[in-house]
Amino acid sequence: MATKPLKIGISARIDHPQPGQAGLRSKTLQYLEQSVAHWAMSRDVLVFMVPTVATGGGIVRSNIRLSDYADALDGLILQGGSDMSPHSYGEEPLQPEWAGDPVRDAYEMELLHEFIEVRKPVLGICRGAQLINVAMGGTLYQDLPTQKPGPVQHLSDAYDRHPTPCASSRTACSPGSTRKSIRPRCTWCRCTIRPCALSGATWRWTPCALKTG
């Protein structure tokens, strides 16, 4: 490498223990989506998964904080994955199965705010973009096919086929939640995939089921 590679953190996807299961399914798993990690690494980037930092995980929380990762890394990618909990944006789940993952919500929102605090860039992919919106005061539709029916196909065979996630004018995603109200104080650049400034940090907005214009 001609220059020193950037160090980019990627938030962890979380699988929670399943009652009555043994082996790995009885444990909390934190992991990366391979395609996301390899895409970041293709730009001469060193990728680091940022695990949750909580009591009961084998370390004392005061020893390592999420702010330590924000200080040590050059930027952050918030992965896609399970829907956010409606409780995270002040609503009750309309269906029991739409409860989302409040544990991951709390972890990623704390992580996001630590990177904002030190004015470092953050990229949100699908769920990650939704989380940024909620963290800045926005809300979400809990389920697109139910709450916002229309001609847009929310589950597409094109998912994960784009050679670079930020190069396409349309980003495919699986059914689930999407943004309802967008935090007005952020410059969202007409839902196009462009950088916009907020408190000195550079963001990239990844639209989910929205055609750019």
N, C-alpha and C. Protein backbone atom coordinates (compact mmCIF):
# COMPACT_ATOMS: atom_id res chain seq x y z
N MET A 1 0.83 -1.19 0.00
CA MET A 1 0.00 0.00 0.00
C MET A 1 0.87 1.25 0.00
N ALA A 2 0.53 2.20 -0.88
CA ALA A 2 1.33 3.41 -0.98
C ALA A 2 1.12 4.33 0.21
N THR A 3 -0.08 4.34 0.74
CA THR A 3 -0.39 5.19 1.88
C THR A 3 -0.89 4.34 3.04
N LYS A 4 -0.87 4.93 4.19
CA LYS A 4 -1.35 4.22 5.38
C LYS A 4 -2.85 3.97 5.26
N PRO A 5 -3.29 2.71 5.42
CA PRO A 5 -4.72 2.42 5.23
C PRO A 5 -5.57 3.03 6.34
N LEU A 6 -6.79 3.38 5.97
CA LEU A 6 -7.75 3.84 6.96
C LEU A 6 -8.18 2.68 7.85
N LYS A 7 -8.53 2.99 9.06
CA LYS A 7 -9.06 2.01 10.00
C LYS A 7 -10.55 2.30 10.19
N ILE A 8 -11.40 1.40 9.67
CA ILE A 8 -12.84 1.62 9.68
C ILE A 8 -13.51 0.56 10.55
N GLY A 9 -14.33 1.03 11.48
CA GLY A 9 -15.11 0.12 12.30
C GLY A 9 -16.42 -0.23 11.64
N ILE A 10 -16.88 -1.45 11.84
CA ILE A 10 -18.20 -1.90 11.36
C ILE A 10 -18.97 -2.39 12.57
N SER A 11 -20.17 -1.85 12.76
CA SER A 11 -20.98 -2.30 13.89
C SER A 11 -21.37 -3.76 13.72
N ALA A 12 -21.55 -4.42 14.82
CA ALA A 12 -21.84 -5.86 14.80
C ALA A 12 -23.31 -6.14 14.55
N ARG A 13 -23.58 -7.13 13.73
CA ARG A 13 -24.91 -7.75 13.73
C ARG A 13 -24.97 -8.65 14.96
N ILE A 14 -26.16 -8.83 15.51
CA ILE A 14 -26.29 -9.58 16.75
C ILE A 14 -27.34 -10.68 16.59
N ASP A 15 -26.95 -11.91 16.93
CA ASP A 15 -27.89 -13.02 17.08
C ASP A 15 -28.01 -13.31 18.57
N HIS A 16 -29.21 -13.27 19.09
CA HIS A 16 -29.43 -13.48 20.52
C HIS A 16 -29.64 -14.97 20.81
N PRO A 17 -29.36 -15.41 22.04
CA PRO A 17 -29.56 -16.82 22.40
C PRO A 17 -31.01 -17.26 22.16
N GLN A 18 -31.16 -18.48 21.66
CA GLN A 18 -32.49 -19.03 21.41
C GLN A 18 -32.86 -20.00 22.52
N PRO A 19 -33.98 -19.78 23.19
CA PRO A 19 -34.36 -20.65 24.32
C PRO A 19 -34.43 -22.11 23.91
N GLY A 20 -33.90 -22.96 24.77
CA GLY A 20 -33.97 -24.39 24.54
C GLY A 20 -32.94 -24.93 23.58
N GLN A 21 -32.07 -24.06 23.04
CA GLN A 21 -31.07 -24.51 22.09
C GLN A 21 -29.73 -24.75 22.78
N ALA A 22 -28.87 -25.49 22.12
CA ALA A 22 -27.53 -25.78 22.66
C ALA A 22 -26.49 -25.27 21.68
N GLY A 23 -25.23 -25.30 22.12
CA GLY A 23 -24.14 -24.89 21.26
C GLY A 23 -24.19 -23.41 20.94
N LEU A 24 -23.85 -23.06 19.69
CA LEU A 24 -23.80 -21.66 19.31
C LEU A 24 -25.15 -20.97 19.44
N ARG A 25 -26.24 -21.70 19.23
CA ARG A 25 -27.56 -21.07 19.29
C ARG A 25 -27.96 -20.70 20.71
N SER A 26 -27.22 -21.17 21.68
CA SER A 26 -27.49 -20.80 23.07
C SER A 26 -26.67 -19.59 23.51
N LYS A 27 -25.87 -19.04 22.59
CA LYS A 27 -24.98 -17.94 22.91
C LYS A 27 -25.35 -16.68 22.12
N THR A 28 -24.85 -15.54 22.59
CA THR A 28 -24.98 -14.29 21.83
C THR A 28 -23.86 -14.23 20.82
N LEU A 29 -24.21 -14.08 19.55
CA LEU A 29 -23.22 -14.03 18.47
C LEU A 29 -23.19 -12.63 17.88
N GLN A 30 -21.99 -12.13 17.63
CA GLN A 30 -21.80 -10.84 16.99
C GLN A 30 -20.92 -11.07 15.76
N TYR A 31 -21.35 -10.53 14.62
CA TYR A 31 -20.66 -10.91 13.38
C TYR A 31 -20.80 -9.82 12.32
N LEU A 32 -20.02 -9.98 11.24
CA LEU A 32 -20.03 -9.08 10.09
C LEU A 32 -20.64 -9.77 8.89
N GLU A 33 -21.29 -8.99 8.02
CA GLU A 33 -21.70 -9.50 6.73
C GLU A 33 -20.47 -9.45 5.82
N GLN A 34 -20.12 -10.59 5.25
CA GLN A 34 -18.87 -10.69 4.48
C GLN A 34 -18.81 -9.69 3.35
N SER A 35 -19.91 -9.50 2.61
CA SER A 35 -19.88 -8.61 1.45
C SER A 35 -19.59 -7.17 1.86
N VAL A 36 -20.09 -6.75 3.03
CA VAL A 36 -19.83 -5.39 3.51
C VAL A 36 -18.36 -5.24 3.88
N ALA A 37 -17.83 -6.22 4.62
CA ALA A 37 -16.43 -6.15 5.02
C ALA A 37 -15.50 -6.16 3.81
N HIS A 38 -15.78 -7.03 2.83
CA HIS A 38 -14.92 -7.12 1.65
C HIS A 38 -15.02 -5.88 0.78
N TRP A 39 -16.22 -5.27 0.71
CA TRP A 39 -16.36 -4.03 -0.04
C TRP A 39 -15.49 -2.93 0.58
N ALA A 40 -15.53 -2.80 1.90
CA ALA A 40 -14.70 -1.79 2.57
C ALA A 40 -13.21 -2.10 2.37
N MET A 41 -12.84 -3.35 2.48
CA MET A 41 -11.43 -3.74 2.35
C MET A 41 -10.91 -3.52 0.94
N SER A 42 -11.80 -3.53 -0.06
CA SER A 42 -11.36 -3.33 -1.44
C SER A 42 -10.84 -1.94 -1.69
N ARG A 43 -11.08 -1.01 -0.75
CA ARG A 43 -10.57 0.36 -0.86
C ARG A 43 -9.35 0.55 0.02
N ASP A 44 -8.58 -0.52 0.22
CA ASP A 44 -7.37 -0.47 1.04
C ASP A 44 -7.68 0.03 2.45
N VAL A 45 -8.65 -0.60 3.06
CA VAL A 45 -9.11 -0.24 4.40
C VAL A 45 -8.90 -1.43 5.33
N LEU A 46 -8.43 -1.13 6.53
CA LEU A 46 -8.40 -2.14 7.59
C LEU A 46 -9.74 -2.11 8.30
N VAL A 47 -10.43 -3.25 8.35
CA VAL A 47 -11.77 -3.33 8.92
C VAL A 47 -11.71 -3.94 10.31
N PHE A 48 -12.43 -3.31 11.24
CA PHE A 48 -12.51 -3.79 12.61
C PHE A 48 -13.98 -3.87 13.01
N MET A 49 -14.42 -5.05 13.43
CA MET A 49 -15.77 -5.13 13.98
C MET A 49 -15.77 -4.53 15.38
N VAL A 50 -16.77 -3.69 15.65
CA VAL A 50 -16.88 -3.06 16.97
C VAL A 50 -17.93 -3.84 17.77
N PRO A 51 -17.52 -4.63 18.75
CA PRO A 51 -18.49 -5.42 19.52
C PRO A 51 -19.23 -4.54 20.53
N THR A 52 -20.34 -5.06 21.01
CA THR A 52 -21.03 -4.38 22.09
C THR A 52 -20.14 -4.42 23.33
N VAL A 53 -20.31 -3.45 24.18
CA VAL A 53 -19.54 -3.38 25.42
C VAL A 53 -20.56 -3.32 26.56
N ALA A 54 -20.74 -4.43 27.24
CA ALA A 54 -21.77 -4.50 28.27
C ALA A 54 -21.33 -5.40 29.40
N THR A 55 -21.93 -5.21 30.56
CA THR A 55 -21.64 -6.08 31.69
C THR A 55 -22.14 -7.49 31.40
N GLY A 56 -21.48 -8.48 31.98
CA GLY A 56 -21.87 -9.86 31.75
C GLY A 56 -21.22 -10.46 30.53
N GLY A 57 -20.40 -9.68 29.82
CA GLY A 57 -19.77 -10.19 28.61
C GLY A 57 -18.33 -10.61 28.81
N GLY A 58 -17.89 -10.73 30.04
CA GLY A 58 -16.53 -11.19 30.28
C GLY A 58 -15.56 -10.08 30.56
N ILE A 59 -15.98 -8.81 30.43
CA ILE A 59 -15.14 -7.69 30.77
C ILE A 59 -15.96 -6.70 31.61
N VAL A 60 -15.29 -5.83 32.29
CA VAL A 60 -15.97 -4.78 33.03
C VAL A 60 -16.16 -3.60 32.09
N ARG A 61 -17.38 -3.08 32.03
CA ARG A 61 -17.70 -2.03 31.06
C ARG A 61 -16.77 -0.84 31.17
N SER A 62 -16.34 -0.49 32.37
CA SER A 62 -15.51 0.70 32.54
C SER A 62 -14.11 0.53 31.93
N ASN A 63 -13.71 -0.71 31.66
CA ASN A 63 -12.38 -0.94 31.09
C ASN A 63 -12.31 -0.50 29.63
N ILE A 64 -13.32 -0.85 28.85
CA ILE A 64 -13.37 -0.51 27.43
C ILE A 64 -14.71 0.15 27.15
N ARG A 65 -14.67 1.30 26.48
CA ARG A 65 -15.89 2.02 26.16
C ARG A 65 -16.00 2.18 24.65
N LEU A 66 -17.22 2.38 24.16
CA LEU A 66 -17.39 2.60 22.74
C LEU A 66 -16.68 3.87 22.29
N SER A 67 -16.53 4.82 23.18
CA SER A 67 -15.79 6.04 22.84
C SER A 67 -14.33 5.74 22.51
N ASP A 68 -13.79 4.67 23.09
CA ASP A 68 -12.41 4.28 22.78
C ASP A 68 -12.28 3.88 21.31
N TYR A 69 -13.30 3.22 20.77
CA TYR A 69 -13.29 2.86 19.35
C TYR A 69 -13.41 4.10 18.48
N ALA A 70 -14.25 5.03 18.88
CA ALA A 70 -14.39 6.27 18.12
C ALA A 70 -13.07 7.04 18.08
N ASP A 71 -12.34 7.01 19.17
CA ASP A 71 -11.04 7.70 19.22
C ASP A 71 -10.01 6.99 18.34
N ALA A 72 -10.05 5.66 18.31
CA ALA A 72 -9.00 4.89 17.64
C ALA A 72 -9.21 4.71 16.14
N LEU A 73 -10.47 4.76 15.69
CA LEU A 73 -10.79 4.47 14.29
C LEU A 73 -11.02 5.74 13.49
N ASP A 74 -10.94 5.60 12.16
CA ASP A 74 -11.09 6.76 11.27
C ASP A 74 -12.54 6.99 10.83
N GLY A 75 -13.38 5.99 10.95
CA GLY A 75 -14.77 6.11 10.52
C GLY A 75 -15.54 4.89 10.93
N LEU A 76 -16.85 4.91 10.64
CA LEU A 76 -17.75 3.84 11.09
C LEU A 76 -18.74 3.50 9.99
N ILE A 77 -19.00 2.19 9.83
CA ILE A 77 -20.07 1.70 8.97
C ILE A 77 -21.09 1.01 9.86
N LEU A 78 -22.36 1.42 9.75
CA LEU A 78 -23.46 0.77 10.45
C LEU A 78 -24.09 -0.23 9.50
N GLN A 79 -24.02 -1.51 9.84
CA GLN A 79 -24.52 -2.56 8.97
C GLN A 79 -26.04 -2.56 8.88
N GLY A 80 -26.53 -3.30 7.88
CA GLY A 80 -27.96 -3.57 7.80
C GLY A 80 -28.32 -4.70 8.76
N GLY A 81 -29.55 -5.19 8.61
CA GLY A 81 -29.98 -6.27 9.48
C GLY A 81 -31.40 -6.10 9.95
N SER A 82 -31.68 -6.57 11.16
CA SER A 82 -33.04 -6.58 11.69
C SER A 82 -33.59 -5.17 11.83
N ASP A 83 -34.91 -5.07 11.77
CA ASP A 83 -35.57 -3.76 11.91
C ASP A 83 -35.30 -3.17 13.29
N MET A 84 -35.35 -1.86 13.35
CA MET A 84 -35.26 -1.18 14.63
C MET A 84 -36.53 -1.42 15.44
N SER A 85 -36.40 -1.39 16.75
CA SER A 85 -37.57 -1.50 17.61
C SER A 85 -38.39 -0.21 17.52
N PRO A 86 -39.71 -0.30 17.32
CA PRO A 86 -40.53 0.92 17.33
C PRO A 86 -40.39 1.72 18.62
N HIS A 87 -40.05 1.06 19.73
CA HIS A 87 -39.84 1.79 20.98
C HIS A 87 -38.70 2.79 20.86
N SER A 88 -37.76 2.54 19.95
CA SER A 88 -36.61 3.44 19.79
C SER A 88 -37.02 4.77 19.17
N TYR A 89 -38.18 4.81 18.48
CA TYR A 89 -38.65 6.09 17.94
C TYR A 89 -40.04 6.44 18.46
N GLY A 90 -40.34 5.96 19.69
CA GLY A 90 -41.52 6.42 20.40
C GLY A 90 -42.83 5.82 20.00
N GLU A 91 -42.80 4.60 19.41
CA GLU A 91 -44.04 3.94 19.01
C GLU A 91 -44.11 2.54 19.63
N GLU A 92 -45.32 1.99 19.64
CA GLU A 92 -45.53 0.61 20.05
C GLU A 92 -45.55 -0.27 18.80
N PRO A 93 -45.00 -1.48 18.88
CA PRO A 93 -45.07 -2.38 17.72
C PRO A 93 -46.51 -2.66 17.32
N LEU A 94 -46.81 -2.51 16.03
CA LEU A 94 -48.17 -2.78 15.55
C LEU A 94 -48.46 -4.27 15.51
N GLN A 95 -47.41 -5.07 15.42
CA GLN A 95 -47.51 -6.53 15.47
C GLN A 95 -46.41 -7.05 16.38
N PRO A 96 -46.64 -8.14 17.13
CA PRO A 96 -45.60 -8.66 18.03
C PRO A 96 -44.29 -8.98 17.31
N GLU A 97 -44.40 -9.46 16.07
CA GLU A 97 -43.20 -9.83 15.33
C GLU A 97 -42.43 -8.62 14.82
N TRP A 98 -42.95 -7.41 15.01
CA TRP A 98 -42.27 -6.20 14.57
C TRP A 98 -41.57 -5.50 15.73
N ALA A 99 -41.24 -6.27 16.76
CA ALA A 99 -40.63 -5.68 17.97
C ALA A 99 -39.20 -5.22 17.74
N GLY A 100 -38.54 -5.73 16.67
CA GLY A 100 -37.18 -5.31 16.37
C GLY A 100 -36.18 -5.79 17.40
N ASP A 101 -35.05 -5.08 17.47
CA ASP A 101 -33.95 -5.47 18.36
C ASP A 101 -33.53 -4.26 19.18
N PRO A 102 -34.18 -3.99 20.32
CA PRO A 102 -33.83 -2.81 21.11
C PRO A 102 -32.42 -2.85 21.68
N VAL A 103 -31.88 -4.04 21.89
CA VAL A 103 -30.51 -4.16 22.41
C VAL A 103 -29.53 -3.62 21.38
N ARG A 104 -29.69 -4.03 20.14
CA ARG A 104 -28.81 -3.53 19.08
C ARG A 104 -29.03 -2.05 18.83
N ASP A 105 -30.29 -1.61 18.92
CA ASP A 105 -30.59 -0.18 18.74
C ASP A 105 -29.78 0.67 19.72
N ALA A 106 -29.83 0.29 20.99
CA ALA A 106 -29.15 1.07 22.03
C ALA A 106 -27.64 1.08 21.82
N TYR A 107 -27.08 -0.08 21.47
CA TYR A 107 -25.64 -0.18 21.23
C TYR A 107 -25.21 0.69 20.05
N GLU A 108 -25.94 0.59 18.92
CA GLU A 108 -25.52 1.34 17.74
C GLU A 108 -25.77 2.84 17.89
N MET A 109 -26.82 3.23 18.59
CA MET A 109 -27.04 4.66 18.79
C MET A 109 -25.95 5.26 19.67
N GLU A 110 -25.53 4.53 20.69
CA GLU A 110 -24.43 5.02 21.52
C GLU A 110 -23.15 5.12 20.68
N LEU A 111 -22.90 4.09 19.86
CA LEU A 111 -21.72 4.08 19.01
C LEU A 111 -21.76 5.24 18.02
N LEU A 112 -22.90 5.47 17.40
CA LEU A 112 -23.06 6.58 16.46
C LEU A 112 -22.75 7.91 17.14
N HIS A 113 -23.32 8.14 18.29
CA HIS A 113 -23.11 9.42 18.97
C HIS A 113 -21.66 9.61 19.40
N GLU A 114 -20.95 8.53 19.69
CA GLU A 114 -19.54 8.65 20.03
C GLU A 114 -18.73 9.13 18.81
N PHE A 115 -19.09 8.63 17.62
CA PHE A 115 -18.39 9.08 16.41
C PHE A 115 -18.78 10.52 16.05
N ILE A 116 -20.03 10.89 16.30
CA ILE A 116 -20.43 12.28 16.09
C ILE A 116 -19.62 13.19 17.01
N GLU A 117 -19.45 12.76 18.25
CA GLU A 117 -18.76 13.57 19.25
C GLU A 117 -17.34 13.91 18.82
N VAL A 118 -16.66 12.95 18.16
CA VAL A 118 -15.28 13.20 17.73
C VAL A 118 -15.21 13.60 16.26
N ARG A 119 -16.39 13.90 15.65
CA ARG A 119 -16.47 14.45 14.30
C ARG A 119 -15.83 13.54 13.26
N LYS A 120 -16.20 12.26 13.31
CA LYS A 120 -15.69 11.30 12.34
C LYS A 120 -16.83 10.77 11.48
N PRO A 121 -16.53 10.39 10.21
CA PRO A 121 -17.59 10.02 9.27
C PRO A 121 -18.27 8.69 9.59
N VAL A 122 -19.54 8.63 9.22
CA VAL A 122 -20.36 7.43 9.44
C VAL A 122 -21.12 7.13 8.15
N LEU A 123 -21.14 5.86 7.76
CA LEU A 123 -21.92 5.39 6.62
C LEU A 123 -22.99 4.44 7.14
N GLY A 124 -24.27 4.72 6.85
CA GLY A 124 -25.35 3.83 7.25
C GLY A 124 -25.86 3.04 6.07
N ILE A 125 -25.91 1.73 6.18
CA ILE A 125 -26.42 0.85 5.12
C ILE A 125 -27.77 0.30 5.55
N CYS A 126 -28.83 0.65 4.81
CA CYS A 126 -30.18 0.17 5.04
C CYS A 126 -30.62 0.43 6.49
N ARG A 127 -30.60 -0.57 7.35
CA ARG A 127 -30.95 -0.36 8.76
C ARG A 127 -30.09 0.74 9.37
N GLY A 128 -28.80 0.78 8.97
CA GLY A 128 -27.91 1.80 9.52
C GLY A 128 -28.35 3.21 9.17
N ALA A 129 -28.88 3.40 7.94
CA ALA A 129 -29.40 4.71 7.55
C ALA A 129 -30.65 5.05 8.35
N GLN A 130 -31.48 4.04 8.59
CA GLN A 130 -32.67 4.24 9.40
C GLN A 130 -32.28 4.63 10.83
N LEU A 131 -31.26 3.98 11.36
CA LEU A 131 -30.82 4.28 12.72
C LEU A 131 -30.31 5.71 12.83
N ILE A 132 -29.56 6.17 11.82
CA ILE A 132 -29.10 7.56 11.83
C ILE A 132 -30.28 8.51 11.86
N ASN A 133 -31.30 8.21 11.04
CA ASN A 133 -32.49 9.05 11.01
C ASN A 133 -33.17 9.11 12.37
N VAL A 134 -33.34 7.95 13.01
CA VAL A 134 -33.99 7.91 14.32
C VAL A 134 -33.14 8.62 15.37
N ALA A 135 -31.82 8.41 15.32
CA ALA A 135 -30.93 9.04 16.29
C ALA A 135 -30.99 10.56 16.20
N MET A 136 -31.29 11.09 15.00
CA MET A 136 -31.39 12.53 14.80
C MET A 136 -32.80 13.07 15.00
N GLY A 137 -33.74 12.20 15.43
CA GLY A 137 -35.09 12.65 15.74
C GLY A 137 -36.15 12.24 14.75
N GLY A 138 -35.80 11.44 13.74
CA GLY A 138 -36.77 11.00 12.74
C GLY A 138 -37.55 9.79 13.21
N THR A 139 -38.52 9.35 12.40
CA THR A 139 -39.32 8.17 12.70
C THR A 139 -39.33 7.25 11.49
N LEU A 140 -39.94 6.06 11.66
CA LEU A 140 -39.96 5.06 10.60
C LEU A 140 -41.37 4.51 10.41
N TYR A 141 -41.65 4.03 9.19
CA TYR A 141 -42.79 3.14 8.99
C TYR A 141 -42.35 1.76 9.48
N GLN A 142 -43.18 1.12 10.26
CA GLN A 142 -42.80 -0.18 10.81
C GLN A 142 -42.79 -1.28 9.76
N ASP A 143 -43.70 -1.22 8.80
CA ASP A 143 -43.79 -2.25 7.77
C ASP A 143 -44.30 -1.63 6.48
N LEU A 144 -43.46 -1.59 5.46
CA LEU A 144 -43.82 -0.92 4.22
C LEU A 144 -45.03 -1.52 3.51
N PRO A 145 -45.07 -2.84 3.31
CA PRO A 145 -46.23 -3.38 2.57
C PRO A 145 -47.56 -3.08 3.26
N THR A 146 -47.56 -2.99 4.60
CA THR A 146 -48.80 -2.76 5.34
C THR A 146 -49.14 -1.27 5.44
N GLN A 147 -48.16 -0.45 5.76
CA GLN A 147 -48.41 0.97 6.05
C GLN A 147 -48.24 1.88 4.85
N LYS A 148 -47.51 1.43 3.85
CA LYS A 148 -47.26 2.27 2.67
C LYS A 148 -47.34 1.41 1.42
N PRO A 149 -48.52 0.83 1.15
CA PRO A 149 -48.63 -0.03 -0.04
C PRO A 149 -48.49 0.79 -1.31
N GLY A 150 -47.99 0.17 -2.33
CA GLY A 150 -47.81 0.87 -3.59
C GLY A 150 -47.05 0.00 -4.58
N PRO A 151 -46.65 0.59 -5.71
CA PRO A 151 -46.03 -0.20 -6.78
C PRO A 151 -44.57 -0.55 -6.53
N VAL A 152 -43.92 0.06 -5.52
CA VAL A 152 -42.51 -0.20 -5.29
C VAL A 152 -42.31 -1.62 -4.78
N GLN A 153 -41.45 -2.38 -5.44
CA GLN A 153 -41.14 -3.73 -5.00
C GLN A 153 -40.05 -3.66 -3.93
N HIS A 154 -40.43 -3.98 -2.68
CA HIS A 154 -39.49 -3.80 -1.58
C HIS A 154 -38.52 -4.97 -1.42
N LEU A 155 -38.86 -6.12 -1.98
CA LEU A 155 -37.93 -7.25 -1.99
C LEU A 155 -37.51 -7.46 -3.43
N SER A 156 -36.22 -7.33 -3.70
CA SER A 156 -35.75 -7.33 -5.08
C SER A 156 -34.66 -8.36 -5.28
N ASP A 157 -34.67 -8.99 -6.46
CA ASP A 157 -33.60 -9.92 -6.81
C ASP A 157 -32.27 -9.20 -6.96
N ALA A 158 -32.32 -7.87 -7.06
CA ALA A 158 -31.11 -7.08 -7.23
C ALA A 158 -30.37 -6.86 -5.92
N TYR A 159 -30.96 -7.31 -4.79
CA TYR A 159 -30.29 -7.10 -3.50
C TYR A 159 -28.89 -7.69 -3.52
N ASP A 160 -27.94 -6.88 -3.11
CA ASP A 160 -26.55 -7.30 -2.95
C ASP A 160 -25.84 -7.56 -4.28
N ARG A 161 -26.43 -7.12 -5.40
CA ARG A 161 -25.78 -7.34 -6.69
C ARG A 161 -25.00 -6.13 -7.17
N HIS A 162 -25.18 -4.97 -6.54
CA HIS A 162 -24.48 -3.78 -6.99
C HIS A 162 -23.00 -3.92 -6.73
N PRO A 163 -22.15 -3.61 -7.73
CA PRO A 163 -20.70 -3.74 -7.53
C PRO A 163 -20.18 -2.84 -6.42
N THR A 164 -20.76 -1.65 -6.28
CA THR A 164 -20.40 -0.78 -5.16
C THR A 164 -21.69 -0.21 -4.61
N PRO A 165 -21.97 -0.39 -3.30
CA PRO A 165 -23.26 0.01 -2.74
C PRO A 165 -23.59 1.47 -2.94
N CYS A 166 -22.59 2.36 -3.04
CA CYS A 166 -22.87 3.79 -3.13
C CYS A 166 -22.88 4.29 -4.56
N ALA A 167 -22.85 3.39 -5.55
CA ALA A 167 -22.76 3.84 -6.94
C ALA A 167 -24.09 3.76 -7.68
N SER A 168 -25.08 3.10 -7.08
CA SER A 168 -26.33 2.90 -7.79
C SER A 168 -27.35 3.98 -7.46
N SER A 169 -28.22 4.28 -8.45
CA SER A 169 -29.26 5.28 -8.21
C SER A 169 -30.43 4.69 -7.43
N ARG A 170 -30.47 3.38 -7.30
CA ARG A 170 -31.52 2.73 -6.53
C ARG A 170 -30.88 1.64 -5.68
N THR A 171 -31.23 1.61 -4.43
CA THR A 171 -30.69 0.61 -3.52
C THR A 171 -31.80 -0.33 -3.11
N ALA A 172 -31.65 -1.61 -3.42
CA ALA A 172 -32.69 -2.58 -3.09
C ALA A 172 -32.61 -2.95 -1.61
N CYS A 173 -33.74 -3.35 -1.04
CA CYS A 173 -33.73 -3.80 0.34
C CYS A 173 -34.85 -4.79 0.54
N SER A 174 -34.79 -5.52 1.64
CA SER A 174 -35.82 -6.49 1.95
C SER A 174 -36.99 -5.81 2.65
N PRO A 175 -38.17 -6.46 2.68
CA PRO A 175 -39.33 -5.84 3.31
C PRO A 175 -39.06 -5.53 4.77
N GLY A 176 -39.69 -4.50 5.27
CA GLY A 176 -39.51 -4.12 6.66
C GLY A 176 -39.76 -2.64 6.82
N SER A 177 -39.05 -2.04 7.76
CA SER A 177 -39.29 -0.64 8.05
C SER A 177 -38.49 0.26 7.12
N THR A 178 -38.96 1.49 6.98
CA THR A 178 -38.21 2.53 6.29
C THR A 178 -38.59 3.87 6.89
N ARG A 179 -37.93 4.94 6.45
CA ARG A 179 -38.11 6.23 7.10
C ARG A 179 -39.50 6.82 6.85
N LYS A 180 -40.11 7.35 7.90
CA LYS A 180 -41.39 8.05 7.81
C LYS A 180 -41.14 9.55 7.81
N SER A 181 -40.55 10.05 8.88
CA SER A 181 -40.17 11.46 8.94
C SER A 181 -38.67 11.56 9.06
N ILE A 182 -38.08 12.50 8.32
CA ILE A 182 -36.64 12.67 8.30
C ILE A 182 -36.26 13.90 9.09
N ARG A 183 -35.22 13.78 9.88
CA ARG A 183 -34.77 14.88 10.70
C ARG A 183 -34.50 16.10 9.81
N PRO A 184 -35.25 17.20 9.96
CA PRO A 184 -35.15 18.31 9.01
C PRO A 184 -33.86 19.10 9.10
N ARG A 185 -33.15 19.05 10.23
CA ARG A 185 -31.96 19.87 10.38
C ARG A 185 -30.76 19.30 9.65
N CYS A 186 -30.87 18.09 9.18
CA CYS A 186 -29.78 17.51 8.39
C CYS A 186 -30.06 17.74 6.91
N THR A 187 -29.03 18.00 6.14
CA THR A 187 -29.17 18.19 4.70
C THR A 187 -29.14 16.84 4.02
N TRP A 188 -30.31 16.32 3.66
CA TRP A 188 -30.37 14.97 3.12
C TRP A 188 -30.16 14.92 1.61
N CYS A 189 -29.95 16.07 0.98
CA CYS A 189 -29.55 16.10 -0.44
C CYS A 189 -30.58 15.43 -1.35
N ARG A 190 -31.86 15.67 -1.09
CA ARG A 190 -32.95 15.18 -1.93
C ARG A 190 -32.93 13.67 -2.07
N CYS A 191 -32.48 12.97 -1.02
CA CYS A 191 -32.46 11.50 -0.98
C CYS A 191 -31.48 10.91 -1.99
N THR A 192 -30.60 11.71 -2.55
CA THR A 192 -29.55 11.15 -3.38
C THR A 192 -28.39 10.71 -2.49
N ILE A 193 -27.54 9.88 -3.02
CA ILE A 193 -26.44 9.37 -2.23
C ILE A 193 -25.26 10.32 -2.37
N ARG A 194 -25.23 11.32 -1.52
CA ARG A 194 -24.18 12.32 -1.53
C ARG A 194 -23.77 12.61 -0.09
N PRO A 195 -22.58 13.14 0.13
CA PRO A 195 -22.22 13.52 1.49
C PRO A 195 -23.00 14.74 1.94
N CYS A 196 -23.32 14.80 3.22
CA CYS A 196 -23.94 15.99 3.77
C CYS A 196 -23.38 16.25 5.15
N ALA A 197 -23.38 17.48 5.56
CA ALA A 197 -22.68 17.86 6.79
C ALA A 197 -23.62 17.97 7.96
N LEU A 198 -23.19 17.48 9.10
CA LEU A 198 -23.93 17.61 10.34
C LEU A 198 -22.93 17.65 11.47
N SER A 199 -22.86 18.77 12.16
CA SER A 199 -21.95 18.93 13.30
C SER A 199 -20.51 18.60 12.93
N GLY A 200 -20.13 18.90 11.68
CA GLY A 200 -18.76 18.70 11.26
C GLY A 200 -18.46 17.31 10.75
N ALA A 201 -19.38 16.35 10.93
CA ALA A 201 -19.14 14.99 10.46
C ALA A 201 -19.70 14.84 9.06
N THR A 202 -19.14 13.94 8.27
CA THR A 202 -19.63 13.68 6.92
C THR A 202 -20.44 12.40 6.92
N TRP A 203 -21.64 12.49 6.36
CA TRP A 203 -22.55 11.35 6.35
C TRP A 203 -22.80 10.92 4.91
N ARG A 204 -23.20 9.69 4.73
CA ARG A 204 -23.73 9.26 3.44
C ARG A 204 -25.07 8.60 3.71
N TRP A 205 -26.07 9.06 3.00
CA TRP A 205 -27.42 8.55 3.18
C TRP A 205 -27.68 7.48 2.13
N THR A 206 -28.02 6.29 2.55
CA THR A 206 -28.31 5.20 1.63
C THR A 206 -29.82 4.99 1.55
N PRO A 207 -30.49 5.52 0.52
CA PRO A 207 -31.95 5.37 0.44
C PRO A 207 -32.35 3.91 0.36
N CYS A 208 -33.46 3.55 0.97
CA CYS A 208 -33.98 2.19 0.94
C CYS A 208 -35.38 2.24 0.31
N ALA A 209 -35.55 1.63 -0.83
CA ALA A 209 -36.83 1.63 -1.54
C ALA A 209 -37.25 3.03 -1.98
N LEU A 210 -36.30 3.88 -2.31
CA LEU A 210 -36.61 5.20 -2.83
C LEU A 210 -35.82 5.44 -4.11
N LYS A 211 -36.51 5.90 -5.13
CA LYS A 211 -35.83 6.26 -6.38
C LYS A 211 -35.31 7.68 -6.24
N THR A 212 -34.07 7.87 -6.64
CA THR A 212 -33.50 9.21 -6.55
C THR A 212 -34.06 10.10 -7.63
N GLY A 213 -34.00 11.43 -7.38
CA GLY A 213 -34.54 12.35 -8.36
C GLY A 213 -33.74 13.62 -8.41
